[in-house]
Amino acid sequence: MTDEQLKAAVADLVKTVKETSLEIRELKRQSAARDKKWGTFTEGLAYPAMTKILGEKLGLDTFMLRPKRRRNGEMSEYDVMGYTNGARNAVAIVEVKSPLRDDAIEQLEQQIEDFGPFYPEHAGKDVYGVIAGVDIPEQVARKVVAKVFYLAQIHDEEFELMVPRGFKPKAFHPRTS
């Protein structure tokens, strides 16, 4: 192989690597967009069932799909949120996932911890965590319950609350500032 042939081969290889990198970047972008659409679809699918569950099982009466709030340059967003005022003062934050993985538990813990400063009007209320999943591995389900979060799973095309015998959900009280 001559120097010119070697230079041409290297130039072709560099061009191919650049094109491949661009294609990979585009595939990642498309995959992220698809995942976001799937997540939005799953949240919308869960919302009617979550309003029913949160109303009947937790006594909540106000519900929001994907509420967002900005405070001090930071943003909070929940998949579903419900609350009630009056004889019972409680809030539920729902994280919807398909498939459900361990990181959803950490995400919900962080959302509960950060809740108070974003929603000071709910200060002093009991805050409950709910994880709703379409595909829930058994070991992740056990971790959700161990964290004393409610677990909702799709069953017969509808979400239902999975409450093991003796389960006592934890009422969290996040900091307010």
N, C-alpha and C. Protein backbone atom coordinates (compact mmCIF):
# COMPACT_ATOMS: atom_id res chain seq x y z
N MET A 1 0.85 -1.17 0.00
CA MET A 1 0.00 0.00 0.00
C MET A 1 0.90 1.24 0.00
N THR A 2 0.59 2.17 -0.86
CA THR A 2 1.40 3.39 -0.96
C THR A 2 0.95 4.39 0.10
N ASP A 3 1.76 5.44 0.27
CA ASP A 3 1.41 6.50 1.23
C ASP A 3 0.08 7.16 0.86
N GLU A 4 -0.13 7.37 -0.44
CA GLU A 4 -1.38 7.98 -0.88
C GLU A 4 -2.57 7.08 -0.59
N GLN A 5 -2.41 5.80 -0.82
CA GLN A 5 -3.48 4.86 -0.54
C GLN A 5 -3.77 4.79 0.96
N LEU A 6 -2.71 4.82 1.76
CA LEU A 6 -2.86 4.79 3.21
C LEU A 6 -3.57 6.05 3.70
N LYS A 7 -3.18 7.22 3.18
CA LYS A 7 -3.82 8.48 3.55
C LYS A 7 -5.30 8.45 3.16
N ALA A 8 -5.61 7.94 1.99
CA ALA A 8 -6.99 7.87 1.53
C ALA A 8 -7.81 6.92 2.42
N ALA A 9 -7.20 5.80 2.79
CA ALA A 9 -7.89 4.83 3.66
C ALA A 9 -8.15 5.44 5.03
N VAL A 10 -7.18 6.16 5.58
CA VAL A 10 -7.35 6.82 6.89
C VAL A 10 -8.43 7.89 6.78
N ALA A 11 -8.43 8.67 5.71
CA ALA A 11 -9.45 9.71 5.51
C ALA A 11 -10.84 9.08 5.43
N ASP A 12 -10.96 7.97 4.71
CA ASP A 12 -12.24 7.26 4.63
C ASP A 12 -12.67 6.76 6.01
N LEU A 13 -11.73 6.23 6.78
CA LEU A 13 -12.03 5.73 8.11
C LEU A 13 -12.48 6.87 9.03
N VAL A 14 -11.81 7.99 8.99
CA VAL A 14 -12.19 9.15 9.80
C VAL A 14 -13.60 9.61 9.43
N LYS A 15 -13.88 9.66 8.14
CA LYS A 15 -15.20 10.07 7.66
C LYS A 15 -16.28 9.10 8.17
N THR A 16 -15.98 7.80 8.08
CA THR A 16 -16.93 6.78 8.53
C THR A 16 -17.18 6.89 10.03
N VAL A 17 -16.13 7.12 10.81
CA VAL A 17 -16.27 7.27 12.26
C VAL A 17 -17.14 8.48 12.59
N LYS A 18 -16.92 9.60 11.91
CA LYS A 18 -17.73 10.80 12.14
C LYS A 18 -19.19 10.53 11.79
N GLU A 19 -19.43 9.89 10.66
CA GLU A 19 -20.80 9.58 10.26
C GLU A 19 -21.47 8.65 11.27
N THR A 20 -20.72 7.65 11.72
CA THR A 20 -21.26 6.70 12.70
C THR A 20 -21.57 7.41 14.01
N SER A 21 -20.70 8.31 14.43
CA SER A 21 -20.94 9.07 15.66
C SER A 21 -22.21 9.90 15.54
N LEU A 22 -22.41 10.53 14.40
CA LEU A 22 -23.63 11.31 14.18
C LEU A 22 -24.87 10.43 14.19
N GLU A 23 -24.76 9.26 13.57
CA GLU A 23 -25.89 8.33 13.55
C GLU A 23 -26.21 7.84 14.97
N ILE A 24 -25.19 7.54 15.75
CA ILE A 24 -25.40 7.09 17.14
C ILE A 24 -26.07 8.20 17.95
N ARG A 25 -25.60 9.43 17.80
CA ARG A 25 -26.19 10.56 18.50
C ARG A 25 -27.67 10.72 18.13
N GLU A 26 -27.98 10.57 16.85
CA GLU A 26 -29.36 10.69 16.40
C GLU A 26 -30.23 9.55 16.96
N LEU A 27 -29.69 8.34 16.99
CA LEU A 27 -30.43 7.21 17.56
C LEU A 27 -30.69 7.42 19.05
N LYS A 28 -29.71 7.96 19.76
CA LYS A 28 -29.90 8.26 21.19
C LYS A 28 -30.99 9.30 21.36
N ARG A 29 -31.00 10.32 20.52
CA ARG A 29 -32.01 11.37 20.60
C ARG A 29 -33.40 10.78 20.33
N GLN A 30 -33.51 9.93 19.30
CA GLN A 30 -34.79 9.31 18.98
C GLN A 30 -35.25 8.39 20.11
N SER A 31 -34.32 7.66 20.69
CA SER A 31 -34.65 6.75 21.79
C SER A 31 -35.15 7.53 23.00
N ALA A 32 -34.49 8.62 23.32
CA ALA A 32 -34.91 9.45 24.45
C ALA A 32 -36.30 10.03 24.20
N ALA A 33 -36.56 10.47 22.97
CA ALA A 33 -37.88 11.01 22.62
C ALA A 33 -38.95 9.93 22.74
N ARG A 34 -38.63 8.71 22.28
CA ARG A 34 -39.58 7.60 22.38
C ARG A 34 -39.86 7.26 23.84
N ASP A 35 -38.79 7.21 24.66
CA ASP A 35 -38.96 6.91 26.08
C ASP A 35 -39.82 7.96 26.78
N LYS A 36 -39.62 9.23 26.42
CA LYS A 36 -40.42 10.32 27.01
C LYS A 36 -41.89 10.15 26.62
N LYS A 37 -42.14 9.84 25.34
CA LYS A 37 -43.52 9.64 24.90
C LYS A 37 -44.15 8.45 25.62
N TRP A 38 -43.40 7.37 25.79
CA TRP A 38 -43.92 6.19 26.48
C TRP A 38 -44.23 6.54 27.93
N GLY A 39 -43.34 7.30 28.57
CA GLY A 39 -43.57 7.71 29.95
C GLY A 39 -44.81 8.56 30.08
N THR A 40 -45.00 9.51 29.17
CA THR A 40 -46.17 10.37 29.18
C THR A 40 -47.44 9.54 28.96
N PHE A 41 -47.38 8.57 28.06
CA PHE A 41 -48.51 7.69 27.82
C PHE A 41 -48.85 6.89 29.07
N THR A 42 -47.83 6.33 29.72
CA THR A 42 -48.04 5.52 30.92
C THR A 42 -48.64 6.36 32.04
N GLU A 43 -48.14 7.60 32.20
CA GLU A 43 -48.69 8.50 33.23
C GLU A 43 -50.17 8.78 32.95
N GLY A 44 -50.50 9.04 31.68
CA GLY A 44 -51.89 9.29 31.31
C GLY A 44 -52.77 8.08 31.54
N LEU A 45 -52.23 6.90 31.28
CA LEU A 45 -52.95 5.66 31.52
C LEU A 45 -53.21 5.47 33.02
N ALA A 46 -52.24 5.83 33.84
CA ALA A 46 -52.35 5.63 35.29
C ALA A 46 -53.25 6.66 35.96
N TYR A 47 -53.36 7.85 35.40
CA TYR A 47 -54.03 8.96 36.09
C TYR A 47 -55.46 8.65 36.55
N PRO A 48 -56.36 8.15 35.69
CA PRO A 48 -57.72 7.88 36.17
C PRO A 48 -57.75 6.88 37.32
N ALA A 49 -56.94 5.84 37.22
CA ALA A 49 -56.91 4.84 38.29
C ALA A 49 -56.31 5.44 39.56
N MET A 50 -55.29 6.28 39.42
CA MET A 50 -54.66 6.89 40.60
C MET A 50 -55.63 7.83 41.31
N THR A 51 -56.44 8.59 40.56
CA THR A 51 -57.41 9.46 41.22
C THR A 51 -58.42 8.63 42.01
N LYS A 52 -58.82 7.51 41.44
CA LYS A 52 -59.76 6.61 42.14
C LYS A 52 -59.10 6.02 43.40
N ILE A 53 -57.89 5.50 43.25
CA ILE A 53 -57.18 4.90 44.38
C ILE A 53 -56.91 5.94 45.47
N LEU A 54 -56.38 7.09 45.07
CA LEU A 54 -56.05 8.13 46.06
C LEU A 54 -57.31 8.65 46.75
N GLY A 55 -58.40 8.69 46.03
CA GLY A 55 -59.65 9.13 46.64
C GLY A 55 -60.24 8.10 47.58
N GLU A 56 -60.37 6.87 47.10
CA GLU A 56 -61.01 5.81 47.90
C GLU A 56 -60.14 5.29 49.03
N LYS A 57 -58.86 5.09 48.77
CA LYS A 57 -57.99 4.45 49.77
C LYS A 57 -57.29 5.44 50.70
N LEU A 58 -56.98 6.65 50.19
CA LEU A 58 -56.27 7.62 51.02
C LEU A 58 -57.12 8.82 51.41
N GLY A 59 -58.35 8.90 50.90
CA GLY A 59 -59.26 9.98 51.28
C GLY A 59 -58.89 11.33 50.69
N LEU A 60 -58.18 11.35 49.57
CA LEU A 60 -57.80 12.62 48.94
C LEU A 60 -58.92 13.07 48.00
N ASP A 61 -58.99 14.38 47.73
CA ASP A 61 -60.08 14.87 46.89
C ASP A 61 -59.64 15.81 45.77
N THR A 62 -58.38 16.16 45.70
CA THR A 62 -57.88 17.04 44.64
C THR A 62 -56.71 16.34 43.96
N PHE A 63 -56.72 16.32 42.62
CA PHE A 63 -55.73 15.54 41.87
C PHE A 63 -55.17 16.35 40.72
N MET A 64 -53.90 16.13 40.43
CA MET A 64 -53.23 16.82 39.33
C MET A 64 -52.35 15.84 38.57
N LEU A 65 -52.41 15.93 37.26
CA LEU A 65 -51.53 15.15 36.39
C LEU A 65 -50.35 16.03 36.01
N ARG A 66 -49.16 15.55 36.26
CA ARG A 66 -47.90 16.24 35.94
C ARG A 66 -47.84 17.69 36.44
N PRO A 67 -48.15 17.92 37.73
CA PRO A 67 -48.01 19.30 38.24
C PRO A 67 -46.54 19.72 38.23
N LYS A 68 -46.33 20.98 37.87
CA LYS A 68 -44.98 21.55 37.84
C LYS A 68 -45.00 22.84 38.63
N ARG A 69 -43.89 23.11 39.30
CA ARG A 69 -43.75 24.38 40.00
C ARG A 69 -42.30 24.81 39.98
N ARG A 70 -42.11 26.10 39.75
CA ARG A 70 -40.76 26.67 39.74
C ARG A 70 -40.61 27.56 40.97
N ARG A 71 -39.49 27.41 41.67
CA ARG A 71 -39.16 28.22 42.84
C ARG A 71 -37.66 28.47 42.84
N ASN A 72 -37.28 29.71 42.97
CA ASN A 72 -35.86 30.08 43.09
C ASN A 72 -34.99 29.44 42.01
N GLY A 73 -35.49 29.43 40.79
CA GLY A 73 -34.72 28.89 39.67
C GLY A 73 -34.70 27.37 39.58
N GLU A 74 -35.36 26.69 40.49
CA GLU A 74 -35.43 25.22 40.49
C GLU A 74 -36.83 24.81 40.03
N MET A 75 -36.94 23.58 39.53
CA MET A 75 -38.22 23.07 39.04
C MET A 75 -38.56 21.75 39.72
N SER A 76 -39.81 21.61 40.11
CA SER A 76 -40.29 20.31 40.60
C SER A 76 -41.39 19.85 39.66
N GLU A 77 -41.45 18.56 39.44
CA GLU A 77 -42.49 17.97 38.60
C GLU A 77 -42.79 16.58 39.13
N TYR A 78 -44.07 16.27 39.25
CA TYR A 78 -44.51 14.96 39.71
C TYR A 78 -45.39 14.35 38.63
N ASP A 79 -45.43 13.03 38.59
CA ASP A 79 -46.29 12.37 37.61
C ASP A 79 -47.76 12.61 37.97
N VAL A 80 -48.10 12.35 39.22
CA VAL A 80 -49.45 12.58 39.73
C VAL A 80 -49.30 13.08 41.16
N MET A 81 -50.17 14.02 41.54
CA MET A 81 -50.18 14.48 42.93
C MET A 81 -51.64 14.61 43.36
N GLY A 82 -51.91 14.23 44.58
CA GLY A 82 -53.24 14.39 45.13
C GLY A 82 -53.13 14.93 46.55
N TYR A 83 -54.18 15.63 47.00
CA TYR A 83 -54.15 16.13 48.37
C TYR A 83 -55.57 16.36 48.87
N THR A 84 -55.68 16.60 50.17
CA THR A 84 -56.94 16.95 50.79
C THR A 84 -56.67 17.90 51.94
N ASN A 85 -57.64 18.76 52.21
CA ASN A 85 -57.60 19.69 53.34
C ASN A 85 -58.84 19.44 54.17
N GLY A 86 -58.73 19.65 55.44
CA GLY A 86 -59.91 19.50 56.29
C GLY A 86 -59.62 18.59 57.46
N ALA A 87 -60.57 17.66 57.71
CA ALA A 87 -60.41 16.73 58.82
C ALA A 87 -59.12 15.93 58.66
N ARG A 88 -58.81 15.63 57.44
CA ARG A 88 -57.55 14.92 57.13
C ARG A 88 -56.74 15.84 56.22
N ASN A 89 -55.49 16.03 56.56
CA ASN A 89 -54.59 16.86 55.75
C ASN A 89 -53.46 15.97 55.27
N ALA A 90 -53.53 15.62 53.99
CA ALA A 90 -52.54 14.69 53.45
C ALA A 90 -52.27 15.00 51.98
N VAL A 91 -51.09 14.57 51.54
CA VAL A 91 -50.65 14.70 50.15
C VAL A 91 -50.10 13.35 49.72
N ALA A 92 -50.31 13.00 48.47
CA ALA A 92 -49.67 11.81 47.90
C ALA A 92 -48.94 12.23 46.63
N ILE A 93 -47.71 11.79 46.53
CA ILE A 93 -46.91 12.01 45.34
C ILE A 93 -46.77 10.65 44.66
N VAL A 94 -47.15 10.58 43.39
CA VAL A 94 -47.13 9.32 42.66
C VAL A 94 -46.07 9.37 41.57
N GLU A 95 -45.22 8.36 41.55
CA GLU A 95 -44.22 8.19 40.50
C GLU A 95 -44.66 6.98 39.67
N VAL A 96 -44.83 7.18 38.36
CA VAL A 96 -45.30 6.12 37.45
C VAL A 96 -44.13 5.65 36.61
N LYS A 97 -43.92 4.33 36.56
CA LYS A 97 -42.80 3.78 35.80
C LYS A 97 -43.19 2.51 35.06
N SER A 98 -42.58 2.33 33.91
CA SER A 98 -42.66 1.08 33.17
C SER A 98 -41.41 0.96 32.32
N PRO A 99 -40.57 0.04 32.64
CA PRO A 99 -40.60 -0.87 33.78
C PRO A 99 -40.15 -0.17 35.06
N LEU A 100 -40.53 -0.74 36.18
CA LEU A 100 -40.13 -0.20 37.48
C LEU A 100 -38.73 -0.71 37.84
N ARG A 101 -37.84 0.23 38.13
CA ARG A 101 -36.47 -0.12 38.53
C ARG A 101 -36.16 0.54 39.87
N ASP A 102 -35.06 0.13 40.48
CA ASP A 102 -34.65 0.66 41.78
C ASP A 102 -34.54 2.18 41.79
N ASP A 103 -34.10 2.77 40.68
CA ASP A 103 -33.90 4.22 40.68
C ASP A 103 -35.20 5.00 40.86
N ALA A 104 -36.35 4.38 40.61
CA ALA A 104 -37.63 5.05 40.85
C ALA A 104 -37.84 5.28 42.34
N ILE A 105 -37.37 4.36 43.16
CA ILE A 105 -37.48 4.50 44.62
C ILE A 105 -36.67 5.71 45.07
N GLU A 106 -35.43 5.79 44.59
CA GLU A 106 -34.57 6.92 44.93
C GLU A 106 -35.17 8.23 44.42
N GLN A 107 -35.75 8.20 43.23
CA GLN A 107 -36.36 9.40 42.66
C GLN A 107 -37.52 9.88 43.53
N LEU A 108 -38.37 8.96 43.97
CA LEU A 108 -39.51 9.34 44.81
C LEU A 108 -39.03 9.85 46.17
N GLU A 109 -38.01 9.22 46.74
CA GLU A 109 -37.45 9.71 48.00
C GLU A 109 -36.99 11.16 47.86
N GLN A 110 -36.31 11.46 46.75
CA GLN A 110 -35.81 12.82 46.52
C GLN A 110 -36.98 13.79 46.31
N GLN A 111 -38.00 13.36 45.59
CA GLN A 111 -39.16 14.22 45.36
C GLN A 111 -39.86 14.56 46.68
N ILE A 112 -39.98 13.59 47.56
CA ILE A 112 -40.60 13.84 48.87
C ILE A 112 -39.73 14.79 49.69
N GLU A 113 -38.43 14.56 49.68
CA GLU A 113 -37.52 15.43 50.43
C GLU A 113 -37.60 16.87 49.94
N ASP A 114 -37.74 17.07 48.64
CA ASP A 114 -37.76 18.41 48.05
C ASP A 114 -39.16 19.04 48.02
N PHE A 115 -40.18 18.32 48.43
CA PHE A 115 -41.57 18.76 48.29
C PHE A 115 -41.87 20.06 49.04
N GLY A 116 -41.47 20.16 50.28
CA GLY A 116 -41.84 21.29 51.15
C GLY A 116 -41.57 22.66 50.58
N PRO A 117 -40.35 22.95 50.13
CA PRO A 117 -40.07 24.29 49.61
C PRO A 117 -40.88 24.63 48.34
N PHE A 118 -41.25 23.65 47.56
CA PHE A 118 -42.02 23.91 46.35
C PHE A 118 -43.51 24.10 46.65
N TYR A 119 -44.00 23.47 47.71
CA TYR A 119 -45.41 23.54 48.06
C TYR A 119 -45.58 23.91 49.53
N PRO A 120 -45.21 25.13 49.91
CA PRO A 120 -45.30 25.53 51.32
C PRO A 120 -46.74 25.54 51.83
N GLU A 121 -47.71 25.66 50.93
CA GLU A 121 -49.11 25.64 51.36
C GLU A 121 -49.53 24.28 51.91
N HIS A 122 -48.71 23.26 51.71
CA HIS A 122 -49.00 21.93 52.24
C HIS A 122 -48.14 21.61 53.47
N ALA A 123 -47.50 22.62 54.04
CA ALA A 123 -46.65 22.40 55.23
C ALA A 123 -47.47 21.77 56.34
N GLY A 124 -46.87 20.83 57.00
CA GLY A 124 -47.52 20.16 58.12
C GLY A 124 -48.40 18.98 57.73
N LYS A 125 -48.64 18.80 56.44
CA LYS A 125 -49.45 17.67 56.01
C LYS A 125 -48.61 16.40 55.98
N ASP A 126 -49.29 15.27 56.16
CA ASP A 126 -48.64 13.98 55.95
C ASP A 126 -48.44 13.81 54.45
N VAL A 127 -47.23 13.44 54.05
CA VAL A 127 -46.92 13.23 52.64
C VAL A 127 -46.64 11.74 52.44
N TYR A 128 -47.39 11.13 51.53
CA TYR A 128 -47.23 9.71 51.25
C TYR A 128 -46.64 9.53 49.86
N GLY A 129 -45.82 8.52 49.72
CA GLY A 129 -45.25 8.17 48.42
C GLY A 129 -45.97 6.97 47.83
N VAL A 130 -46.22 7.06 46.53
CA VAL A 130 -46.87 5.97 45.80
C VAL A 130 -46.05 5.72 44.54
N ILE A 131 -45.72 4.47 44.30
CA ILE A 131 -45.07 4.10 43.06
C ILE A 131 -46.03 3.19 42.29
N ALA A 132 -46.33 3.61 41.06
CA ALA A 132 -47.23 2.84 40.19
C ALA A 132 -46.40 2.29 39.04
N GLY A 133 -46.50 0.99 38.83
CA GLY A 133 -45.70 0.37 37.79
C GLY A 133 -46.51 -0.54 36.91
N VAL A 134 -46.09 -0.63 35.65
CA VAL A 134 -46.72 -1.54 34.71
C VAL A 134 -46.00 -2.89 34.78
N ASP A 135 -44.70 -2.85 34.72
CA ASP A 135 -43.87 -4.06 34.79
C ASP A 135 -43.03 -3.96 36.05
N ILE A 136 -43.35 -4.75 37.07
CA ILE A 136 -42.69 -4.63 38.37
C ILE A 136 -42.01 -5.94 38.74
N PRO A 137 -40.67 -5.97 38.71
CA PRO A 137 -39.96 -7.16 39.18
C PRO A 137 -40.22 -7.36 40.68
N GLU A 138 -40.32 -8.60 41.10
CA GLU A 138 -40.64 -8.93 42.49
C GLU A 138 -39.66 -8.30 43.48
N GLN A 139 -38.36 -8.33 43.17
CA GLN A 139 -37.38 -7.78 44.12
C GLN A 139 -37.54 -6.27 44.27
N VAL A 140 -37.96 -5.58 43.21
CA VAL A 140 -38.17 -4.13 43.31
C VAL A 140 -39.45 -3.86 44.10
N ALA A 141 -40.47 -4.67 43.91
CA ALA A 141 -41.72 -4.52 44.67
C ALA A 141 -41.43 -4.64 46.17
N ARG A 142 -40.61 -5.58 46.54
CA ARG A 142 -40.26 -5.75 47.96
C ARG A 142 -39.54 -4.51 48.50
N LYS A 143 -38.66 -3.92 47.69
CA LYS A 143 -37.94 -2.72 48.12
C LYS A 143 -38.89 -1.53 48.29
N VAL A 144 -39.87 -1.40 47.40
CA VAL A 144 -40.84 -0.31 47.51
C VAL A 144 -41.59 -0.43 48.83
N VAL A 145 -42.08 -1.61 49.13
CA VAL A 145 -42.84 -1.84 50.37
C VAL A 145 -41.93 -1.65 51.59
N ALA A 146 -40.68 -2.08 51.49
CA ALA A 146 -39.74 -1.90 52.60
C ALA A 146 -39.49 -0.42 52.90
N LYS A 147 -39.58 0.42 51.88
CA LYS A 147 -39.42 1.87 52.06
C LYS A 147 -40.70 2.51 52.58
N VAL A 148 -41.72 1.71 52.81
CA VAL A 148 -43.06 2.08 53.28
C VAL A 148 -43.77 3.05 52.35
N PHE A 149 -43.56 2.84 51.05
CA PHE A 149 -44.32 3.53 50.02
C PHE A 149 -45.47 2.61 49.60
N TYR A 150 -46.56 3.22 49.20
CA TYR A 150 -47.62 2.44 48.57
C TYR A 150 -47.12 1.96 47.21
N LEU A 151 -47.61 0.80 46.79
CA LEU A 151 -47.27 0.24 45.48
C LEU A 151 -48.56 -0.04 44.73
N ALA A 152 -48.65 0.49 43.52
CA ALA A 152 -49.80 0.22 42.65
C ALA A 152 -49.27 -0.50 41.42
N GLN A 153 -49.99 -1.53 41.02
CA GLN A 153 -49.58 -2.32 39.87
C GLN A 153 -50.77 -2.51 38.94
N ILE A 154 -50.48 -2.57 37.65
CA ILE A 154 -51.56 -2.78 36.70
C ILE A 154 -52.00 -4.24 36.81
N HIS A 155 -53.32 -4.43 36.85
CA HIS A 155 -53.90 -5.76 36.97
C HIS A 155 -55.25 -5.71 36.24
N ASP A 156 -55.45 -6.61 35.32
CA ASP A 156 -56.68 -6.63 34.52
C ASP A 156 -56.95 -5.25 33.90
N GLU A 157 -55.91 -4.69 33.30
CA GLU A 157 -55.97 -3.42 32.57
C GLU A 157 -56.28 -2.21 33.44
N GLU A 158 -56.14 -2.32 34.76
CA GLU A 158 -56.36 -1.20 35.66
C GLU A 158 -55.34 -1.27 36.80
N PHE A 159 -54.92 -0.13 37.28
CA PHE A 159 -54.01 -0.11 38.42
C PHE A 159 -54.77 -0.43 39.69
N GLU A 160 -54.14 -1.20 40.57
CA GLU A 160 -54.69 -1.43 41.90
C GLU A 160 -53.57 -1.34 42.92
N LEU A 161 -53.96 -0.91 44.10
CA LEU A 161 -53.00 -0.79 45.20
C LEU A 161 -52.67 -2.17 45.74
N MET A 162 -51.38 -2.45 45.86
CA MET A 162 -50.93 -3.74 46.38
C MET A 162 -50.51 -3.50 47.83
N VAL A 163 -51.36 -3.87 48.76
CA VAL A 163 -51.11 -3.62 50.18
C VAL A 163 -50.93 -4.95 50.90
N PRO A 164 -49.68 -5.29 51.23
CA PRO A 164 -49.45 -6.54 51.95
C PRO A 164 -50.06 -6.50 53.35
N ARG A 165 -50.37 -7.66 53.88
CA ARG A 165 -50.92 -7.76 55.23
C ARG A 165 -49.96 -7.09 56.23
N GLY A 166 -50.52 -6.26 57.07
CA GLY A 166 -49.73 -5.59 58.11
C GLY A 166 -48.99 -4.35 57.61
N PHE A 167 -49.17 -3.98 56.36
CA PHE A 167 -48.45 -2.83 55.80
C PHE A 167 -48.96 -1.53 56.42
N LYS A 168 -48.03 -0.71 56.88
CA LYS A 168 -48.33 0.62 57.41
C LYS A 168 -47.51 1.62 56.62
N PRO A 169 -48.15 2.42 55.78
CA PRO A 169 -47.40 3.40 54.99
C PRO A 169 -46.78 4.45 55.90
N LYS A 170 -45.69 5.00 55.48
CA LYS A 170 -45.02 6.04 56.26
C LYS A 170 -45.55 7.40 55.82
N ALA A 171 -45.89 8.22 56.80
CA ALA A 171 -46.26 9.61 56.54
C ALA A 171 -44.98 10.43 56.69
N PHE A 172 -44.51 10.97 55.58
CA PHE A 172 -43.29 11.78 55.61
C PHE A 172 -43.66 13.22 55.94
N HIS A 173 -42.71 13.95 56.51
CA HIS A 173 -42.88 15.37 56.83
C HIS A 173 -41.66 16.11 56.33
N PRO A 174 -41.65 16.44 55.03
CA PRO A 174 -40.47 17.08 54.44
C PRO A 174 -40.23 18.47 55.01
N ARG A 175 -38.98 18.89 54.94
CA ARG A 175 -38.60 20.23 55.40
C ARG A 175 -39.35 21.25 54.55
N THR A 176 -39.57 22.43 55.10
CA THR A 176 -40.33 23.45 54.37
C THR A 176 -39.44 24.52 53.77
N SER A 177 -38.17 24.53 54.08
CA SER A 177 -37.30 25.56 53.46
C SER A 177 -35.95 24.97 53.13
